[in-house]
N, C-alpha and C. Protein backbone atom coordinates (compact mmCIF):
# COMPACT_ATOMS: atom_id res chain seq x y z
N MET A 1 176.32 103.17 139.96
CA MET A 1 175.32 102.14 140.82
C MET A 1 174.55 102.32 140.62
N ALA A 2 173.23 100.81 139.72
CA ALA A 2 172.35 100.80 139.76
C ALA A 2 171.71 100.39 140.86
N PRO A 3 169.72 101.16 140.81
CA PRO A 3 169.47 100.83 142.75
C PRO A 3 169.18 98.91 141.99
N SER A 4 169.38 98.36 143.28
CA SER A 4 169.16 96.70 143.71
C SER A 4 167.76 96.36 144.53
N LEU A 5 167.09 95.43 144.13
CA LEU A 5 166.32 94.96 145.29
C LEU A 5 167.20 94.67 146.37
N LEU A 6 165.72 94.62 147.48
CA LEU A 6 166.66 93.44 148.08
C LEU A 6 167.15 91.53 147.57
N PRO A 7 167.76 91.11 148.65
CA PRO A 7 168.04 89.82 148.11
C PRO A 7 167.06 89.25 148.04
N ASN A 8 166.31 89.19 149.10
CA ASN A 8 165.11 88.06 148.93
C ASN A 8 163.64 88.40 148.06
N ASP A 9 163.58 89.80 147.33
CA ASP A 9 162.93 90.47 146.62
C ASP A 9 162.84 89.57 145.17
N HIS A 10 162.24 88.35 144.92
CA HIS A 10 162.37 87.66 143.69
C HIS A 10 162.16 88.19 142.68
N SER A 11 161.25 88.99 142.88
CA SER A 11 159.72 89.52 141.60
C SER A 11 160.55 89.74 140.45
N GLY A 12 161.91 89.56 139.98
CA GLY A 12 162.36 89.61 138.70
C GLY A 12 162.29 91.37 138.11
N TYR A 13 161.32 91.79 138.87
CA TYR A 13 161.18 93.69 138.10
C TYR A 13 162.46 94.40 138.64
N ARG A 14 162.83 95.11 137.58
CA ARG A 14 163.75 96.09 137.83
C ARG A 14 163.96 97.11 138.97
N ALA A 15 164.72 97.00 139.63
CA ALA A 15 164.46 98.38 140.39
C ALA A 15 164.97 99.91 140.14
N PRO A 16 163.70 100.70 140.25
CA PRO A 16 163.53 101.51 139.08
C PRO A 16 164.63 102.79 139.74
N SER A 17 165.01 103.86 138.62
CA SER A 17 165.66 104.70 139.83
C SER A 17 164.99 106.26 139.61
N ARG A 18 165.61 106.99 140.38
CA ARG A 18 164.32 108.53 140.31
C ARG A 18 165.38 109.39 139.91
N PHE A 19 164.76 110.76 139.73
CA PHE A 19 165.45 111.96 138.36
C PHE A 19 165.25 112.95 139.21
N ILE A 20 165.63 113.41 140.15
CA ILE A 20 164.78 114.83 140.53
C ILE A 20 164.91 116.07 140.42
N THR A 21 164.60 116.83 140.40
CA THR A 21 164.43 118.17 139.32
C THR A 21 164.80 119.28 140.54
N THR A 22 165.30 120.60 139.87
CA THR A 22 165.65 121.78 140.52
C THR A 22 165.88 122.61 139.92
N HIS A 23 166.71 123.63 140.74
CA HIS A 23 166.43 125.24 139.73
C HIS A 23 167.95 125.33 139.92
N ASP A 24 168.58 126.42 138.97
CA ASP A 24 170.05 127.23 140.02
C ASP A 24 169.51 128.62 140.13
N ALA A 25 170.61 129.31 140.91
CA ALA A 25 170.43 130.19 141.27
C ALA A 25 169.44 131.46 139.76
N ASP A 26 169.19 131.52 139.07
CA ASP A 26 169.10 131.88 137.37
C ASP A 26 167.31 131.41 137.70
N GLY A 27 167.14 130.52 137.98
CA GLY A 27 165.55 129.76 138.03
C GLY A 27 165.81 128.83 136.67
N THR A 28 166.91 128.56 136.39
CA THR A 28 167.38 127.50 135.04
C THR A 28 167.16 126.36 135.50
N SER A 29 166.26 125.66 134.68
CA SER A 29 165.61 124.21 135.40
C SER A 29 166.91 123.08 135.35
N LYS A 30 166.97 121.70 136.01
CA LYS A 30 168.68 121.68 136.16
C LYS A 30 167.97 119.77 136.63
N PHE A 31 168.24 118.84 136.85
CA PHE A 31 168.65 117.77 137.55
C PHE A 31 169.08 118.07 138.92
N VAL A 32 168.95 117.71 140.34
CA VAL A 32 169.85 117.94 141.38
C VAL A 32 170.86 116.74 140.53
N PRO A 33 172.28 116.58 141.42
CA PRO A 33 173.10 115.69 141.35
C PRO A 33 172.93 114.51 142.09
N ASP A 34 173.27 113.34 141.39
CA ASP A 34 173.52 112.16 142.01
C ASP A 34 174.21 112.08 143.68
N HIS A 35 175.15 113.23 143.41
CA HIS A 35 175.60 112.80 144.74
C HIS A 35 175.25 114.23 146.01
N VAL A 36 174.20 114.26 145.75
CA VAL A 36 173.26 115.17 146.55
C VAL A 36 172.03 114.73 146.88
N VAL A 37 170.96 114.38 146.07
CA VAL A 37 170.34 112.58 146.57
C VAL A 37 170.70 111.65 144.89
N SER A 38 170.72 110.44 146.21
CA SER A 38 170.90 109.35 145.22
C SER A 38 169.84 108.75 143.91
N PRO A 39 170.06 108.77 143.03
CA PRO A 39 168.98 108.24 141.95
C PRO A 39 168.54 106.23 142.45
N ASP A 40 169.34 106.04 143.39
CA ASP A 40 168.97 104.71 143.93
C ASP A 40 167.96 105.10 145.52
N ALA A 41 167.22 105.13 145.18
CA ALA A 41 166.56 104.97 146.86
C ALA A 41 166.39 103.20 147.81
N PRO A 42 166.70 103.16 149.00
CA PRO A 42 166.63 102.10 149.25
C PRO A 42 165.18 101.31 149.41
N TRP A 43 165.10 100.22 149.19
CA TRP A 43 164.27 99.13 149.18
C TRP A 43 164.15 99.27 150.75
N GLN A 44 162.77 98.67 151.28
CA GLN A 44 162.79 97.94 152.52
C GLN A 44 161.47 96.86 152.19
N GLU A 45 161.80 95.77 153.46
CA GLU A 45 160.92 94.77 153.94
C GLU A 45 159.87 95.16 154.61
N ALA A 46 158.65 95.52 154.01
CA ALA A 46 157.63 95.93 154.94
C ALA A 46 157.03 94.51 155.54
N ALA A 47 156.90 92.94 155.08
CA ALA A 47 156.48 92.18 156.02
C ALA A 47 156.94 91.58 154.80
N PRO A 48 156.72 89.45 155.53
CA PRO A 48 157.26 88.97 154.47
C PRO A 48 156.33 88.89 153.39
N GLY A 49 156.95 88.70 151.71
CA GLY A 49 156.62 89.13 150.44
C GLY A 49 156.21 89.80 150.14
N VAL A 50 156.49 91.02 150.76
CA VAL A 50 155.89 92.69 150.52
C VAL A 50 157.59 93.57 150.97
N PHE A 51 157.97 93.97 149.55
CA PHE A 51 159.33 94.95 149.61
C PHE A 51 158.58 96.00 149.21
N PHE A 52 159.60 97.30 149.32
CA PHE A 52 158.21 98.54 149.06
C PHE A 52 160.20 99.64 148.85
N TYR A 53 159.56 100.60 148.40
CA TYR A 53 160.70 101.95 148.41
C TYR A 53 159.72 103.81 147.85
N ILE A 54 160.58 104.43 148.58
CA ILE A 54 159.36 105.64 148.30
C ILE A 54 160.85 106.51 147.94
N PRO A 55 160.22 106.46 146.42
CA PRO A 55 161.35 107.45 145.39
C PRO A 55 161.36 108.57 145.99
N TRP A 56 159.75 109.46 146.71
CA TRP A 56 159.84 110.98 146.67
C TRP A 56 158.82 111.20 147.77
N GLY A 57 158.84 111.97 148.41
CA GLY A 57 157.55 112.97 149.57
C GLY A 57 157.35 114.41 150.04
N THR A 58 156.80 114.32 150.58
CA THR A 58 157.05 115.92 150.77
C THR A 58 156.31 116.28 152.25
N THR A 59 156.56 117.05 153.16
CA THR A 59 156.01 116.73 154.68
C THR A 59 154.83 118.06 154.21
N SER A 60 154.53 118.93 153.23
CA SER A 60 153.02 119.67 152.82
C SER A 60 152.76 119.36 151.83
N SER A 61 151.31 119.87 151.47
CA SER A 61 150.46 120.29 150.15
C SER A 61 149.81 121.33 150.66
N PRO A 62 150.06 122.46 150.04
CA PRO A 62 151.03 122.26 148.37
C PRO A 62 152.39 122.04 148.79
N ALA A 63 153.26 121.39 148.77
CA ALA A 63 154.42 121.40 148.43
C ALA A 63 155.00 123.06 148.67
N GLN A 64 156.34 123.00 149.37
CA GLN A 64 156.71 124.39 149.72
C GLN A 64 158.56 124.15 149.10
N MET A 65 158.35 124.56 148.15
CA MET A 65 159.80 123.81 146.68
C MET A 65 161.12 125.30 146.71
N THR A 66 160.16 126.09 147.71
CA THR A 66 160.92 127.49 147.71
C THR A 66 162.25 127.24 147.99
N ASP A 67 163.41 127.63 147.52
CA ASP A 67 165.01 127.14 148.61
C ASP A 67 164.86 125.96 148.92
N ASP A 68 164.74 124.97 147.93
CA ASP A 68 164.49 123.72 147.91
C ASP A 68 164.01 122.40 149.16
N ALA A 69 163.04 123.74 149.99
CA ALA A 69 162.61 123.51 151.57
C ALA A 69 162.19 121.62 151.11
N ASP A 70 161.58 121.24 150.43
CA ASP A 70 161.21 119.98 150.17
C ASP A 70 162.42 119.25 149.71
N LEU A 71 163.27 119.12 149.58
CA LEU A 71 164.14 118.71 148.91
C LEU A 71 165.39 118.13 150.45
N LYS A 72 165.38 119.28 151.74
CA LYS A 72 165.62 119.66 152.42
C LYS A 72 165.21 118.85 153.73
N ALA A 73 163.94 118.86 153.49
CA ALA A 73 162.97 117.71 154.33
C ALA A 73 163.53 116.73 154.37
N TYR A 74 163.47 116.49 153.03
CA TYR A 74 163.58 114.40 152.62
C TYR A 74 164.65 114.32 153.09
N GLU A 75 165.87 115.00 152.62
CA GLU A 75 166.47 114.72 152.98
C GLU A 75 167.23 114.60 154.39
N ALA A 76 166.33 115.08 155.25
CA ALA A 76 166.35 115.13 156.47
C ALA A 76 166.00 113.87 157.17
N GLY A 77 165.31 113.23 156.78
CA GLY A 77 164.31 111.76 157.57
C GLY A 77 162.95 112.10 157.43
N LYS A 78 162.39 113.16 157.19
CA LYS A 78 161.01 114.07 157.52
C LYS A 78 159.87 113.37 156.82
N VAL A 79 160.33 112.36 155.67
CA VAL A 79 159.31 111.88 154.96
C VAL A 79 159.75 110.15 155.49
N VAL A 80 158.73 109.57 156.33
CA VAL A 80 159.35 108.39 157.09
C VAL A 80 158.49 106.85 155.87
N PRO A 81 159.37 106.11 156.07
CA PRO A 81 159.27 104.77 155.32
C PRO A 81 158.23 103.87 155.95
N ASN A 82 158.28 104.05 157.14
CA ASN A 82 157.15 103.11 157.88
C ASN A 82 156.06 103.55 158.49
N ILE A 83 155.82 105.18 157.44
CA ILE A 83 154.33 105.37 157.93
C ILE A 83 153.89 105.22 156.81
N ILE A 84 152.81 105.54 156.33
CA ILE A 84 152.24 104.97 155.22
C ILE A 84 151.86 106.33 154.57
N VAL A 85 151.18 106.95 155.35
CA VAL A 85 150.78 108.65 155.07
C VAL A 85 151.63 109.61 155.79
N THR A 86 152.34 110.23 155.20
CA THR A 86 153.07 111.45 155.16
C THR A 86 152.40 112.83 156.24
N PRO A 87 152.31 112.46 157.87
CA PRO A 87 151.39 113.99 157.88
C PRO A 87 151.36 115.42 157.34
N ASN A 88 150.31 115.51 156.56
CA ASN A 88 149.92 116.56 156.00
C ASN A 88 150.91 116.85 155.13
N GLY A 89 150.80 115.56 154.29
CA GLY A 89 152.21 115.84 153.46
C GLY A 89 151.96 114.89 152.16
N THR A 90 153.04 114.70 151.40
CA THR A 90 152.56 113.25 150.21
C THR A 90 153.53 112.31 150.13
N ASN A 91 153.33 111.37 149.37
CA ASN A 91 154.53 110.05 149.46
C ASN A 91 154.17 109.54 147.90
N VAL A 92 155.28 109.07 147.45
CA VAL A 92 154.95 108.12 146.05
C VAL A 92 155.71 107.07 146.18
N ARG A 93 155.59 105.77 146.18
CA ARG A 93 155.87 104.26 146.27
C ARG A 93 156.21 103.72 146.43
N ILE A 94 156.67 102.89 146.09
CA ILE A 94 156.68 101.18 144.71
C ILE A 94 156.67 99.93 145.75
N TYR A 95 155.38 98.67 145.54
CA TYR A 95 155.28 98.06 146.12
C TYR A 95 155.52 96.84 145.22
N ASP A 96 156.25 95.88 145.88
CA ASP A 96 156.63 94.23 144.93
C ASP A 96 155.57 93.55 145.66
N PHE A 97 154.61 93.01 145.47
CA PHE A 97 153.70 91.47 146.61
C PHE A 97 154.43 90.61 145.80
N ALA A 98 154.72 89.86 146.75
CA ALA A 98 154.48 87.59 146.12
C ALA A 98 153.44 87.68 145.82
N PRO A 99 153.78 86.31 144.97
CA PRO A 99 152.51 85.64 145.05
C PRO A 99 151.68 85.55 146.42
N GLY A 100 150.59 85.15 146.23
CA GLY A 100 149.85 84.69 147.22
C GLY A 100 150.13 85.56 148.29
N PHE A 101 150.38 86.46 148.02
CA PHE A 101 150.43 87.53 149.39
C PHE A 101 148.96 88.24 149.70
N GLU A 102 148.75 88.43 150.74
CA GLU A 102 147.28 88.92 151.73
C GLU A 102 147.66 90.13 152.55
N SER A 103 146.86 90.91 152.75
CA SER A 103 147.60 91.92 153.43
C SER A 103 146.86 91.94 154.88
N ALA A 104 146.70 92.44 155.69
CA ALA A 104 145.17 92.32 156.89
C ALA A 104 144.65 93.26 156.43
N MET A 105 143.24 93.66 156.33
CA MET A 105 142.22 95.05 156.58
C MET A 105 142.71 96.30 157.08
N HIS A 106 142.85 97.33 156.71
CA HIS A 106 143.76 98.31 157.06
C HIS A 106 143.04 99.59 156.66
N ARG A 107 143.18 101.36 156.58
CA ARG A 107 142.32 101.91 156.55
C ARG A 107 143.58 103.00 156.93
N THR A 108 143.66 103.67 156.04
CA THR A 108 144.53 105.41 156.26
C THR A 108 143.54 106.47 156.44
N TYR A 109 144.33 107.70 156.68
CA TYR A 109 143.51 109.04 156.24
C TYR A 109 144.24 109.53 155.02
N SER A 110 144.23 109.09 154.06
CA SER A 110 144.77 109.48 152.80
C SER A 110 143.70 109.35 151.78
N ILE A 111 144.35 109.26 150.40
CA ILE A 111 143.90 109.39 149.19
C ILE A 111 145.19 109.23 148.69
N ASP A 112 144.62 107.58 147.96
CA ASP A 112 145.78 106.94 147.57
C ASP A 112 145.46 106.35 145.83
N TYR A 113 145.98 106.84 145.12
CA TYR A 113 145.85 106.76 143.44
C TYR A 113 147.10 105.24 143.40
N GLY A 114 146.62 104.27 143.31
CA GLY A 114 147.39 102.68 142.60
C GLY A 114 147.42 102.72 141.75
N ILE A 115 148.41 103.35 141.19
CA ILE A 115 148.63 102.22 138.96
C ILE A 115 149.43 100.89 139.25
N VAL A 116 148.86 99.86 138.72
CA VAL A 116 148.93 98.46 138.92
C VAL A 116 150.37 98.11 137.65
N ILE A 117 151.66 98.00 137.58
CA ILE A 117 152.60 98.03 136.82
C ILE A 117 152.83 96.60 136.06
N HIS A 118 152.87 95.93 137.40
CA HIS A 118 153.22 94.47 136.53
C HIS A 118 152.51 93.21 137.41
N GLY A 119 151.48 92.35 136.84
CA GLY A 119 150.88 91.34 137.44
C GLY A 119 149.28 91.60 137.53
N THR A 120 148.57 91.11 138.72
CA THR A 120 147.22 91.17 138.98
C THR A 120 147.30 91.35 139.79
N ILE A 121 146.59 92.68 141.00
CA ILE A 121 146.23 92.64 142.60
C ILE A 121 145.02 92.44 142.61
N GLU A 122 143.87 91.86 143.93
CA GLU A 122 142.60 92.59 144.26
C GLU A 122 142.68 93.14 145.36
N GLY A 123 141.72 93.97 145.11
CA GLY A 123 141.33 95.19 145.98
C GLY A 123 139.95 94.69 147.15
N GLN A 124 140.18 94.86 147.44
CA GLN A 124 138.58 93.82 148.75
C GLN A 124 138.51 95.26 149.76
N MET A 125 137.23 95.14 149.73
CA MET A 125 136.51 95.97 151.03
C MET A 125 136.27 95.77 151.61
N ASP A 126 135.83 96.21 153.25
CA ASP A 126 135.52 95.24 154.57
C ASP A 126 134.17 94.97 154.35
N GLY A 127 133.37 95.16 153.22
CA GLY A 127 131.92 94.99 152.55
C GLY A 127 132.22 93.63 152.01
N GLY A 128 133.41 93.49 151.65
CA GLY A 128 133.20 92.20 151.06
C GLY A 128 133.47 92.09 148.85
N GLU A 129 133.46 93.29 148.65
CA GLU A 129 134.03 93.53 147.36
C GLU A 129 134.93 93.45 147.13
N VAL A 130 135.26 93.39 146.11
CA VAL A 130 136.46 93.11 145.36
C VAL A 130 136.58 93.49 143.51
N ARG A 131 137.77 94.02 143.67
CA ARG A 131 138.14 94.60 141.90
C ARG A 131 139.70 93.95 141.43
N VAL A 132 139.69 93.54 140.63
CA VAL A 132 140.59 93.05 139.76
C VAL A 132 141.63 93.98 138.84
N GLY A 133 142.34 94.15 139.40
CA GLY A 133 143.47 95.34 138.32
C GLY A 133 144.78 94.43 138.17
N LYS A 134 145.07 95.38 136.44
CA LYS A 134 146.13 94.21 135.89
C LYS A 134 147.33 95.77 135.60
N PRO A 135 147.84 95.49 134.85
CA PRO A 135 148.79 96.26 134.24
C PRO A 135 147.91 97.64 133.44
N GLY A 136 148.28 98.35 134.44
CA GLY A 136 147.56 99.92 134.13
C GLY A 136 146.45 100.47 134.87
N ASP A 137 145.40 99.44 135.45
CA ASP A 137 144.19 99.78 136.06
C ASP A 137 145.10 100.73 136.87
N ILE A 138 144.01 101.80 137.78
CA ILE A 138 144.24 102.44 138.78
C ILE A 138 143.45 102.40 140.05
N PHE A 139 143.69 102.13 141.01
CA PHE A 139 143.21 102.29 142.07
C PHE A 139 142.70 103.42 142.78
N ILE A 140 141.50 103.70 143.31
CA ILE A 140 141.46 105.65 143.74
C ILE A 140 140.98 104.61 145.49
N GLN A 141 141.68 104.89 146.14
CA GLN A 141 141.55 104.77 147.17
C GLN A 141 141.01 105.93 148.65
N ARG A 142 139.72 106.07 148.83
CA ARG A 142 139.57 106.72 149.45
C ARG A 142 139.16 106.66 150.96
N GLY A 143 139.80 106.15 151.96
CA GLY A 143 139.99 106.57 153.17
C GLY A 143 139.04 104.90 153.61
N THR A 144 139.11 104.18 152.87
CA THR A 144 138.29 102.86 152.73
C THR A 144 139.19 101.73 153.73
N ASN A 145 138.34 100.85 154.38
CA ASN A 145 138.68 99.93 155.33
C ASN A 145 139.51 98.98 153.74
N HIS A 146 139.73 98.42 153.61
CA HIS A 146 141.24 97.31 152.67
C HIS A 146 141.93 96.43 152.83
N LEU A 147 141.91 95.43 152.04
CA LEU A 147 142.86 94.59 152.03
C LEU A 147 143.43 94.41 150.22
N TRP A 148 144.80 94.19 150.23
CA TRP A 148 145.86 94.05 148.94
C TRP A 148 145.53 91.90 148.85
N ARG A 149 145.28 91.59 147.48
CA ARG A 149 145.71 90.24 147.84
C ARG A 149 146.36 89.62 145.81
N ASN A 150 147.54 89.07 146.42
CA ASN A 150 148.16 88.73 144.81
C ASN A 150 147.89 87.25 144.67
N PRO A 151 146.44 87.45 143.78
CA PRO A 151 145.71 86.06 142.99
C PRO A 151 146.68 84.36 143.14
N SER A 152 147.82 85.25 142.34
CA SER A 152 148.82 84.45 141.80
C SER A 152 149.93 83.55 142.53
N LYS A 153 149.66 82.25 141.99
CA LYS A 153 150.60 81.40 142.91
C LYS A 153 151.90 81.43 141.85
N THR A 154 152.53 82.54 140.93
CA THR A 154 153.95 82.84 140.20
C THR A 154 154.07 83.62 139.86
N GLU A 155 153.27 84.09 139.95
CA GLU A 155 153.64 85.57 139.59
C GLU A 155 154.02 86.95 140.77
N TRP A 156 154.90 87.88 140.52
CA TRP A 156 155.11 88.41 141.28
C TRP A 156 154.13 89.85 141.34
N THR A 157 153.48 91.02 142.14
CA THR A 157 152.68 92.32 141.71
C THR A 157 152.98 93.53 141.65
N ARG A 158 153.27 93.95 140.90
CA ARG A 158 153.96 95.55 141.08
C ARG A 158 152.91 97.01 141.47
N ILE A 159 153.05 97.53 142.10
CA ILE A 159 152.26 98.28 142.36
C ILE A 159 152.97 100.18 142.82
N CYS A 160 152.52 100.91 141.84
CA CYS A 160 153.05 102.68 142.44
C CYS A 160 151.77 103.12 143.09
N TYR A 161 151.73 103.84 144.01
CA TYR A 161 150.96 104.29 144.92
C TYR A 161 151.67 106.08 144.66
N PHE A 162 150.33 106.70 144.55
CA PHE A 162 150.68 108.11 145.06
C PHE A 162 149.61 108.36 146.80
N VAL A 163 150.69 108.85 147.35
CA VAL A 163 149.48 108.84 148.82
C VAL A 163 149.90 110.16 149.36
N ALA A 164 148.26 111.00 149.33
CA ALA A 164 148.19 112.51 149.80
C ALA A 164 147.57 112.22 150.87
N ALA A 165 147.95 113.15 152.37
CA ALA A 165 146.82 112.81 153.16
C ALA A 165 145.65 113.55 152.64
N ALA A 166 144.75 112.92 154.26
CA ALA A 166 143.61 114.04 154.21
C ALA A 166 143.00 113.91 155.64
N GLU A 167 141.76 114.57 155.27
CA GLU A 167 141.57 115.01 157.10
C GLU A 167 141.14 113.97 157.36
N PRO A 168 140.58 113.55 158.29
CA PRO A 168 139.70 112.28 158.97
C PRO A 168 138.69 112.46 158.29
N LEU A 169 137.78 110.99 157.98
CA LEU A 169 136.70 110.67 157.43
C LEU A 169 135.48 110.40 158.55
N VAL A 170 134.53 111.86 157.99
CA VAL A 170 133.55 111.56 159.22
C VAL A 170 131.97 110.97 158.30
N ILE A 171 131.45 109.96 158.74
CA ILE A 171 130.40 109.97 157.93
C ILE A 171 129.19 110.08 159.01
N GLY A 172 127.54 110.18 158.60
CA GLY A 172 126.73 110.68 159.31
C GLY A 172 127.19 110.76 160.87
N GLY A 173 128.23 112.07 160.90
CA GLY A 173 128.35 112.82 162.49
C GLY A 173 129.48 112.00 163.20
N LYS A 174 130.16 110.63 162.67
CA LYS A 174 131.04 109.66 163.11
C LYS A 174 132.02 109.84 162.70
N LYS A 175 133.34 110.24 163.43
CA LYS A 175 134.68 109.86 162.95
C LYS A 175 135.16 108.66 162.39
N ILE A 176 135.11 108.03 161.32
CA ILE A 176 135.64 107.14 161.02
C ILE A 176 137.70 106.57 161.45
N GLU A 177 137.36 105.42 161.98
CA GLU A 177 138.88 105.28 162.58
C GLU A 177 139.57 104.70 162.19
N ALA A 178 141.09 105.41 161.70
CA ALA A 178 142.29 104.15 161.11
C ALA A 178 142.39 103.23 161.31
N VAL A 179 142.70 102.27 160.73
CA VAL A 179 142.90 100.53 161.22
C VAL A 179 144.43 100.00 160.95
N LYS A 180 145.19 99.97 161.81
CA LYS A 180 146.50 99.15 161.68
C LYS A 180 146.77 98.08 160.58
N ALA A 181 147.29 98.12 160.07
CA ALA A 181 147.69 96.56 159.30
C ALA A 181 148.32 95.99 160.02
N ASP A 182 147.83 94.20 160.90
CA ASP A 182 148.42 93.62 161.56
C ASP A 182 149.81 93.05 161.20
N ASN A 183 149.80 92.69 159.58
CA ASN A 183 150.80 92.15 159.20
C ASN A 183 151.62 92.91 158.40
N SER A 184 151.81 94.29 159.08
CA SER A 184 152.34 95.78 157.81
C SER A 184 153.55 96.60 158.81
N SER A 185 154.62 96.68 158.79
CA SER A 185 155.59 97.52 159.53
C SER A 185 154.69 98.91 158.82
N ALA A 186 154.22 98.78 157.45
CA ALA A 186 153.94 100.41 156.71
C ALA A 186 152.37 101.04 157.25
N VAL A 187 152.34 100.97 158.14
CA VAL A 187 151.48 101.16 158.91
C VAL A 187 151.58 101.72 160.44
N SER A 188 152.15 103.44 160.78
CA SER A 188 152.18 102.65 162.54
C SER A 188 151.48 103.81 162.85
N GLU A 189 151.08 103.40 164.26
CA GLU A 189 150.45 104.12 165.17
C GLU A 189 150.27 105.74 165.66
N ASP A 190 151.73 105.87 165.32
CA ASP A 190 152.19 107.25 165.64
C ASP A 190 151.89 108.16 163.66
N SER A 191 151.46 107.82 163.31
CA SER A 191 151.21 108.22 162.03
C SER A 191 150.37 108.83 161.44
N LYS A 192 149.18 109.90 162.57
CA LYS A 192 147.97 110.90 162.74
C LYS A 192 147.40 110.30 161.63
N LEU A 193 147.21 108.95 161.94
CA LEU A 193 146.46 108.00 160.25
C LEU A 193 144.82 108.94 160.74
C-alpha cells in the first residue's frame, strides 16, 4: 500500500516511503521487512495548514543500534511525534506548509538542518532578519528564536528537517529559555526543550 497524505493536505506532493536497514545474524546488510516497520509512516496535522510525519528517530546520540535497540525504541513509541526535539536523541521530520502559513516564534534546544524540498520558505529571526529558502537551500537552526513563513499565495512548501538534541544555550552566563510555538502542537512543554 502506498503511503498517503491526510485528506486536508492539498500540497499535491507525494507521501514519501521510508526504507530502513538492519543486519542479519551473520552481519549481512538487509532491509527491515515491511511487516516489522511499515514503509508508510503516518502523517499528522500540527496546526491548520501544517502537516508532518516522522520517518525515523533515535532516543540517544550516538544512536544505540546493537540488537536493533534504536528500532525497538522507535517501535515502542519513544520517539514522540508531538515533541520537536527527542530528548537526548535525533529525528527526521518532513513538513508541508500551506500557502500563507506563518508559525509563531519558537526556540528549541536543538540543532536543526532544514532542507527545502519544494516551494519557498522564509525563516525569520526574532531580531527581524529574514532569509528566503528555495529548493535545495539549507537552514541550519542553532537554538535561535525564529518563525517560518510560506510567502506564496498559491504554492505549498515542503521541508525535511533533521533535528538533533542540544544542551541548553547559555549566552553571557544566562540560560536562554526555550519558547513554545503558540499555534503548533509540535512543541511540548514536557519535551525538555
